[in-house]
Amino acid sequence: MAIANVFEIPLQPRPQRFSVTLLGVSYGMQTRWNDLAGVWVLDLSDVNGNVLVNGLAMITGADLLGQLGYLGIGGQLLVIPTQPTTEQVPGFADLGLTWALVFSPNS
């Protein structure tokens, strides 16, 4: 399945906090590493800093926003490989390098 109109959300392989505009709406995002689970997680907030979702596991093969349609964000948020890899999920040192976080608006 091809994904059209994809916007890559630039990430680095370290915990970070930033803002991003998706379909004209500003959101706060924070990535952090969950050492116990061995996975990156994403926190999402509105422009005023009000939490929309905490601890969303950054897994591959699924729309991270799929179960959050009630938020009305209007697209898919996906973790995809940017180059060939044998890994199934981003590791601590390769988020933003081997793996990208992308947003694709609903058609």
Protein backbone atom coordinates (compact mmCIF):
# COMPACT_ATOMS: atom_id res chain seq x y z
CA MET A 1 0.00 0.00 0.00
CA ALA A 2 1.47 3.35 -1.04
CA ILE A 3 1.08 6.32 1.22
CA ALA A 4 0.64 9.70 -0.46
CA ASN A 5 1.29 13.16 1.00
CA VAL A 6 3.64 11.93 3.72
CA PHE A 7 5.21 14.44 6.10
CA GLU A 8 8.27 13.22 8.02
CA ILE A 9 8.50 14.43 11.60
CA PRO A 10 12.26 14.86 12.15
CA LEU A 11 13.56 12.88 15.12
CA GLN A 12 16.90 12.20 16.71
CA PRO A 13 17.94 9.05 18.60
CA ARG A 14 17.54 10.70 21.99
CA PRO A 15 14.61 11.79 24.14
CA GLN A 16 13.30 15.10 22.86
CA ARG A 17 10.43 17.57 23.14
CA PHE A 18 9.22 19.64 20.19
CA SER A 19 6.15 21.06 18.47
CA VAL A 20 4.78 20.11 15.09
CA THR A 21 1.94 21.41 12.93
CA LEU A 22 -0.32 18.79 11.38
CA LEU A 23 -3.08 19.96 9.04
CA GLY A 24 -2.79 23.50 10.41
CA VAL A 25 -3.02 22.47 14.08
CA SER A 26 -0.04 22.72 16.45
CA TYR A 27 0.75 19.81 18.74
CA GLY A 28 3.44 19.20 21.32
CA MET A 29 5.31 15.92 21.05
CA GLN A 30 7.77 14.27 23.36
CA THR A 31 9.69 11.08 22.69
CA ARG A 32 11.28 9.05 25.45
CA TRP A 33 12.80 5.63 25.79
CA ASN A 34 10.99 3.07 27.96
CA ASP A 35 13.90 0.94 29.15
CA LEU A 36 11.71 -1.73 30.73
CA ALA A 37 9.71 -2.34 27.54
CA GLY A 38 12.64 -1.62 25.21
CA VAL A 39 10.58 0.74 23.07
CA TRP A 40 10.30 4.42 22.26
CA VAL A 41 7.10 6.08 23.46
CA LEU A 42 5.39 9.25 22.30
CA ASP A 43 3.46 11.79 24.35
CA LEU A 44 1.10 14.10 22.47
CA SER A 45 -0.35 17.37 23.78
CA ASP A 46 -2.36 20.27 22.42
CA VAL A 47 -0.89 23.73 21.81
CA ASN A 48 -1.60 24.70 25.44
CA GLY A 49 0.30 21.73 26.82
CA ASN A 50 -2.79 19.74 27.77
CA VAL A 51 -2.03 16.03 27.47
CA LEU A 52 -3.91 14.23 24.71
CA VAL A 53 -2.14 10.89 25.07
CA ASN A 54 0.83 9.65 27.12
CA GLY A 55 3.09 6.69 26.55
CA LEU A 56 2.01 5.74 23.03
CA ALA A 57 4.37 2.90 22.04
CA MET A 58 6.15 3.73 18.78
CA ILE A 59 5.59 0.36 17.14
CA THR A 60 5.76 -0.48 13.46
CA GLY A 61 3.04 -1.93 11.28
CA ALA A 62 0.15 0.07 12.74
CA ASP A 63 -1.26 3.58 12.69
CA LEU A 64 -0.30 5.07 16.06
CA LEU A 65 -3.40 7.28 15.90
CA GLY A 66 -5.70 4.47 14.75
CA GLN A 67 -7.43 4.05 18.09
CA LEU A 68 -7.45 7.79 18.75
CA GLY A 69 -9.87 8.94 16.04
CA TYR A 70 -11.86 10.88 18.64
CA LEU A 71 -8.95 13.37 18.81
CA GLY A 72 -9.77 14.48 15.26
CA ILE A 73 -6.15 14.78 14.14
CA GLY A 74 -7.12 13.72 10.62
CA GLY A 75 -4.40 11.35 9.54
CA GLN A 76 -2.15 8.42 10.23
CA LEU A 77 1.03 8.46 12.29
CA LEU A 78 3.41 5.69 11.30
CA VAL A 79 6.89 4.47 12.24
CA ILE A 80 8.58 3.25 9.07
CA PRO A 81 12.10 2.14 8.11
CA THR A 82 14.15 4.61 6.08
CA GLN A 83 16.60 1.96 4.93
CA PRO A 84 16.80 -1.83 4.91
CA THR A 85 16.93 -3.27 8.42
CA THR A 86 16.46 -6.62 10.08
CA GLU A 87 15.04 -4.96 13.19
CA GLN A 88 11.28 -4.97 13.77
CA VAL A 89 11.11 -1.82 15.94
CA PRO A 90 13.38 1.19 16.48
CA GLY A 91 16.11 0.61 19.03
CA PHE A 92 17.48 3.24 21.37
CA ALA A 93 20.21 4.35 18.95
CA ASP A 94 18.36 4.35 15.62
CA LEU A 95 15.14 6.40 15.97
CA GLY A 96 15.33 9.16 13.36
CA LEU A 97 18.17 7.39 11.56
CA THR A 98 16.99 3.95 10.44
CA TRP A 99 13.39 4.67 11.45
CA ALA A 100 11.21 7.68 10.68
CA LEU A 101 7.98 8.98 12.18
CA VAL A 102 5.66 10.08 9.37
CA PHE A 103 2.23 11.69 9.20
CA SER A 104 -0.11 11.01 6.30
CA PRO A 105 -3.39 12.97 6.09
CA ASN A 106 -6.60 11.04 5.57
CA SER A 107 -7.78 11.27 1.97
